[in-house]
C-alpha atoms as a PDB file:
ATOM      1  CA  MET A   1      83.179  69.196  -3.628  1.00  0.00           C
ATOM      2  CA  SER A   2      83.945  68.054  -0.106  1.00  0.00           C
ATOM      3  CA  GLU A   3      85.492  70.225   2.559  1.00  0.00           C
ATOM      4  CA  THR A   4      87.685  69.086   5.413  1.00  0.00           C
ATOM      5  CA  THR A   5      87.894  71.196   8.577  1.00  0.00           C
ATOM      6  CA  GLU A   6      90.773  71.099  11.028  1.00  0.00           C
ATOM      7  CA  GLN A   7      90.740  72.663  14.471  1.00  0.00           C
ATOM      8  CA  ASN A   8      93.995  74.209  15.698  1.00  0.00           C
ATOM      9  CA  ARG A   9      94.664  75.776  19.075  1.00  0.00           C
ATOM     10  CA  THR A  10      95.602  79.471  18.917  1.00  0.00           C
ATOM     11  CA  GLN A  11      98.747  80.682  20.585  1.00  0.00           C
ATOM     12  CA  THR A  12      98.631  83.224  23.420  1.00  0.00           C
ATOM     13  CA  PRO A  13     101.021  86.254  23.506  1.00  0.00           C
ATOM     14  CA  ASP A  14     103.274  84.470  25.999  1.00  0.00           C
ATOM     15  CA  GLY A  15     103.830  81.552  23.590  1.00  0.00           C
ATOM     16  CA  GLY A  16     101.397  79.130  25.226  1.00  0.00           C
ATOM     17  CA  THR A  17      98.194  77.823  23.773  1.00  0.00           C
ATOM     18  CA  ASP A  18      94.687  78.911  24.627  1.00  0.00           C
ATOM     19  CA  PRO A  19      92.405  75.863  24.645  1.00  0.00           C
ATOM     20  CA  THR A  20      89.282  78.050  24.609  1.00  0.00           C
ATOM     21  CA  GLN A  21      90.004  79.599  21.224  1.00  0.00           C
ATOM     22  CA  THR A  22      90.166  77.639  18.007  1.00  0.00           C
ATOM     23  CA  ARG A  23      90.939  78.585  14.425  1.00  0.00           C
ATOM     24  CA  ARG A  24      89.249  76.748  11.572  1.00  0.00           C
ATOM     25  CA  THR A  25      91.187  75.950   8.426  1.00  0.00           C
ATOM     26  CA  THR A  26      89.262  74.746   5.389  1.00  0.00           C
ATOM     27  CA  ARG A  27      90.815  72.740   2.537  1.00  0.00           C
ATOM     28  CA  LYS A  28      89.030  72.418  -0.785  1.00  0.00           C
ATOM     29  CA  GLY A  29      89.028  69.279  -2.945  1.00  0.00           C
ATOM     30  CA  GLY A  30      89.386  66.729  -0.187  1.00  0.00           C
ATOM     31  CA  GLY A  31      89.079  63.042  -0.702  1.00  0.00           C
ATOM     32  CA  ASP A  32      91.219  60.455  -2.402  1.00  0.00           C
ATOM     33  CA  PRO A  33      93.193  61.950  -5.317  1.00  0.00           C
ATOM     34  CA  GLY A  34      92.619  58.718  -7.254  1.00  0.00           C
ATOM     35  CA  SER A  35      88.866  59.386  -7.329  1.00  0.00           C
ATOM     36  CA  ARG A  36      89.086  62.875  -8.779  1.00  0.00           C
ATOM     37  CA  GLY A  37      88.113  62.937 -12.438  1.00  0.00           C
ATOM     38  CA  ARG A  38      86.620  60.393 -14.775  1.00  0.00           C
ATOM     39  CA  THR A  39      88.083  57.531 -16.800  1.00  0.00           C
ATOM     40  CA  THR A  40      86.485  56.443 -20.053  1.00  0.00           C
ATOM     41  CA  ILE A  41      87.353  53.222 -21.857  1.00  0.00           C
ATOM     42  CA  ALA A  42      86.848  52.930 -25.610  1.00  0.00           C
ATOM     43  CA  ASP A  43      84.968  50.004 -27.141  1.00  0.00           C
ATOM     44  CA  GLY A  44      88.136  49.026 -29.026  1.00  0.00           C
ATOM     45  CA  VAL A  45      90.099  48.615 -25.800  1.00  0.00           C
ATOM     46  CA  VAL A  46      87.547  46.173 -24.393  1.00  0.00           C
ATOM     47  CA  GLU A  47      87.403  44.376 -27.768  1.00  0.00           C
ATOM     48  CA  LYS A  48      91.185  43.857 -27.771  1.00  0.00           C
ATOM     49  CA  ILE A  49      91.199  42.516 -24.216  1.00  0.00           C
ATOM     50  CA  ALA A  50      88.293  40.162 -24.960  1.00  0.00           C
ATOM     51  CA  GLY A  51      89.854  39.002 -28.242  1.00  0.00           C
ATOM     52  CA  MET A  52      93.159  38.148 -26.585  1.00  0.00           C
ATOM     53  CA  ALA A  53      91.422  36.366 -23.700  1.00  0.00           C
ATOM     54  CA  ALA A  54      89.206  34.315 -26.048  1.00  0.00           C
ATOM     55  CA  ARG A  55      92.156  33.232 -28.214  1.00  0.00           C
ATOM     56  CA  ASP A  56      93.940  31.914 -25.107  1.00  0.00           C
ATOM     57  CA  VAL A  57      91.263  29.242 -24.578  1.00  0.00           C
ATOM     58  CA  PHE A  58      92.042  25.691 -25.710  1.00  0.00           C
ATOM     59  CA  GLY A  59      89.716  24.672 -28.536  1.00  0.00           C
ATOM     60  CA  VAL A  60      89.334  28.142 -30.073  1.00  0.00           C
ATOM     61  CA  HIS A  61      90.836  27.882 -33.544  1.00  0.00           C
ATOM     62  CA  ALA A  62      90.044  31.393 -34.783  1.00  0.00           C
ATOM     63  CA  MET A  63      87.834  34.409 -34.264  1.00  0.00           C
ATOM     64  CA  GLY A  64      85.294  35.797 -36.728  1.00  0.00           C
ATOM     65  CA  SER A  65      83.342  34.415 -39.653  1.00  0.00           C
ATOM     66  CA  GLY A  66      84.923  32.883 -42.727  1.00  0.00           C
ATOM     67  CA  VAL A  67      84.609  36.142 -44.669  1.00  0.00           C
ATOM     68  CA  SER A  68      86.166  38.285 -41.948  1.00  0.00           C
ATOM     69  CA  ARG A  69      88.987  35.748 -41.534  1.00  0.00           C
ATOM     70  CA  THR A  70      89.690  35.823 -45.270  1.00  0.00           C
ATOM     71  CA  PHE A  71      89.837  39.618 -45.352  1.00  0.00           C
ATOM     72  CA  GLY A  72      91.900  39.543 -42.176  1.00  0.00           C
ATOM     73  CA  ALA A  73      94.395  37.153 -43.752  1.00  0.00           C
ATOM     74  CA  VAL A  74      94.812  39.545 -46.677  1.00  0.00           C
ATOM     75  CA  ARG A  75      95.210  42.502 -44.285  1.00  0.00           C
ATOM     76  CA  ASP A  76      97.791  40.544 -42.265  1.00  0.00           C
ATOM     77  CA  ARG A  77      99.976  40.183 -45.378  1.00  0.00           C
ATOM     78  CA  VAL A  78      99.944  43.912 -46.130  1.00  0.00           C
ATOM     79  CA  PRO A  79     102.942  45.668 -44.562  1.00  0.00           C
ATOM     80  CA  GLY A  80     101.779  47.646 -41.550  1.00  0.00           C
ATOM     81  CA  GLY A  81      98.409  45.870 -41.566  1.00  0.00           C
ATOM     82  CA  GLY A  82      99.167  43.765 -38.512  1.00  0.00           C
ATOM     83  CA  LYS A  83      96.981  41.098 -36.985  1.00  0.00           C
ATOM     84  CA  SER A  84      93.566  42.196 -35.845  1.00  0.00           C
ATOM     85  CA  VAL A  85      92.938  40.948 -32.326  1.00  0.00           C
ATOM     86  CA  THR A  86      89.464  42.473 -32.440  1.00  0.00           C
ATOM     87  CA  ARG A  87      88.301  40.272 -35.332  1.00  0.00           C
ATOM     88  CA  GLY A  88      85.101  38.509 -34.255  1.00  0.00           C
ATOM     89  CA  VAL A  89      84.591  40.731 -31.194  1.00  0.00           C
ATOM     90  CA  LYS A  90      82.004  43.473 -30.681  1.00  0.00           C
ATOM     91  CA  ALA A  91      81.734  45.400 -27.416  1.00  0.00           C
ATOM     92  CA  GLU A  92      79.182  47.874 -26.132  1.00  0.00           C
ATOM     93  CA  VAL A  93      80.733  49.875 -23.318  1.00  0.00           C
ATOM     94  CA  GLY A  94      78.801  52.009 -20.850  1.00  0.00           C
ATOM     95  CA  GLU A  95      80.046  53.965 -17.860  1.00  0.00           C
ATOM     96  CA  VAL A  96      80.255  50.975 -15.504  1.00  0.00           C
ATOM     97  CA  GLN A  97      79.151  47.955 -17.571  1.00  0.00           C
ATOM     98  CA  THR A  98      79.961  46.266 -20.859  1.00  0.00           C
ATOM     99  CA  ALA A  99      78.374  43.588 -23.044  1.00  0.00           C
ATOM    100  CA  LEU A 100      80.293  41.490 -25.561  1.00  0.00           C
ATOM    101  CA  ASP A 101      79.458  39.498 -28.687  1.00  0.00           C
ATOM    102  CA  LEU A 102      82.070  36.994 -29.863  1.00  0.00           C
ATOM    103  CA  GLU A 103      82.168  34.920 -33.034  1.00  0.00           C
ATOM    104  CA  ILE A 104      84.494  31.930 -32.813  1.00  0.00           C
ATOM    105  CA  VAL A 105      85.657  28.924 -34.808  1.00  0.00           C
ATOM    106  CA  VAL A 106      86.301  25.829 -32.698  1.00  0.00           C
ATOM    107  CA  ASP A 107      88.609  22.889 -33.347  1.00  0.00           C
ATOM    108  CA  TYR A 108      86.947  19.618 -34.353  1.00  0.00           C
ATOM    109  CA  GLY A 109      86.542  17.188 -31.458  1.00  0.00           C
ATOM    110  CA  VAL A 110      86.263  19.650 -28.598  1.00  0.00           C
ATOM    111  CA  SER A 111      83.091  20.130 -26.576  1.00  0.00           C
ATOM    112  CA  ILE A 112      81.567  23.350 -27.892  1.00  0.00           C
ATOM    113  CA  SER A 113      79.690  23.979 -24.640  1.00  0.00           C
ATOM    114  CA  ASP A 114      82.920  23.559 -22.623  1.00  0.00           C
ATOM    115  CA  VAL A 115      84.839  25.878 -24.955  1.00  0.00           C
ATOM    116  CA  ALA A 116      82.050  28.485 -24.771  1.00  0.00           C
ATOM    117  CA  ARG A 117      82.012  28.301 -20.951  1.00  0.00           C
ATOM    118  CA  ASP A 118      85.814  28.606 -20.783  1.00  0.00           C
ATOM    119  CA  VAL A 119      85.790  31.547 -23.207  1.00  0.00           C
ATOM    120  CA  ARG A 120      83.141  33.329 -21.114  1.00  0.00           C
ATOM    121  CA  GLU A 121      85.074  32.775 -17.887  1.00  0.00           C
ATOM    122  CA  ASN A 122      88.384  33.914 -19.382  1.00  0.00           C
ATOM    123  CA  VAL A 123      86.908  36.965 -21.112  1.00  0.00           C
ATOM    124  CA  VAL A 124      84.928  38.108 -18.049  1.00  0.00           C
ATOM    125  CA  ALA A 125      87.949  37.704 -15.769  1.00  0.00           C
ATOM    126  CA  ALA A 126      90.313  39.582 -18.124  1.00  0.00           C
ATOM    127  CA  VAL A 127      87.946  42.458 -18.955  1.00  0.00           C
ATOM    128  CA  GLU A 128      86.823  43.014 -15.350  1.00  0.00           C
ATOM    129  CA  ARG A 129      90.384  42.816 -14.003  1.00  0.00           C
ATOM    130  CA  MET A 130      91.867  45.186 -16.570  1.00  0.00           C
ATOM    131  CA  THR A 131      89.035  47.719 -16.923  1.00  0.00           C
ATOM    132  CA  GLY A 132      87.041  47.563 -13.705  1.00  0.00           C
ATOM    133  CA  LEU A 133      83.871  47.364 -15.810  1.00  0.00           C
ATOM    134  CA  GLU A 134      81.169  44.843 -14.942  1.00  0.00           C
ATOM    135  CA  VAL A 135      80.671  42.371 -17.802  1.00  0.00           C
ATOM    136  CA  VAL A 136      76.924  41.821 -17.944  1.00  0.00           C
ATOM    137  CA  GLU A 137      76.929  39.294 -20.801  1.00  0.00           C
ATOM    138  CA  VAL A 138      79.187  37.478 -23.231  1.00  0.00           C
ATOM    139  CA  ASN A 139      77.246  36.149 -26.223  1.00  0.00           C
ATOM    140  CA  ILE A 140      79.113  33.544 -28.258  1.00  0.00           C
ATOM    141  CA  ALA A 141      78.301  32.512 -31.816  1.00  0.00           C
ATOM    142  CA  VAL A 142      80.148  29.450 -33.114  1.00  0.00           C
ATOM    143  CA  SER A 143      80.387  30.094 -36.850  1.00  0.00           C
ATOM    144  CA  ASP A 144      82.486  27.097 -37.917  1.00  0.00           C
ATOM    145  CA  VAL A 145      84.345  23.967 -36.881  1.00  0.00           C
ATOM    146  CA  LYS A 146      87.945  23.554 -38.041  1.00  0.00           C
ATOM    147  CA  LEU A 147      88.392  20.029 -39.390  1.00  0.00           C
ATOM    148  CA  PRO A 148      91.862  18.460 -39.137  1.00  0.00           C
ATOM    149  CA  GLU A 149      92.237  18.042 -42.910  1.00  0.00           C
ATOM    150  CA  GLU A 150      91.106  21.593 -43.745  1.00  0.00           C
ATOM    151  CA  GLU A 151      93.752  24.154 -44.531  1.00  0.00           C
ATOM    152  CA  ASP A 152      93.521  27.593 -43.005  1.00  0.00           C
ATOM    153  CA  GLU A 153      91.712  30.081 -45.195  1.00  0.00           C
ATOM    154  CA  GLU A 154      94.652  32.158 -46.282  1.00  0.00           C
ATOM    155  CA  PRO A 155      94.939  33.267 -49.883  1.00  0.00           C
ATOM    156  CA  GLU A 156      97.848  32.047 -51.962  1.00  0.00           C
ATOM    157  CA  PRO A 157     100.540  34.674 -52.370  1.00  0.00           C
ATOM    158  CA  ARG A 158     100.357  36.244 -55.817  1.00  0.00           C
ATOM    159  CA  ILE A 159     104.076  36.842 -56.146  1.00  0.00           C
ATOM    160  CA  GLN A 160     106.287  33.757 -56.253  1.00  0.00           C
END
């Protein structure tokens, strides 16, 4: 805990000040109020930010493997299930650093190396800006290529 000391001149009986005498006042808990305490960020928060940033990149068709996308499509159809922005994203968050693993599906015809570079840049910028954490690595696994004639892997609705 830091202490700040102020020196004040003491007043004489006639109302003037005596420059030879000083009174010390000590305040506890000095420093910037914004630096008092600790902020922790959950893995899921970083995963959501990274998932949104990766999906914004041109050439990324989907996130996750075929199996996780299939289960995700089923979950998306269940009321209250909602879309999972963390699908295909795994984060390990420390106190000041984070590492990310992403699994993506790219569109046919795009340069995979360019898409991977753009995903890394976008994810690092978004996570560092929003969390203040240092992103030490973004590992990308390309699990599939979406061909133009392929339909999305969504199950047929059972009720017609």
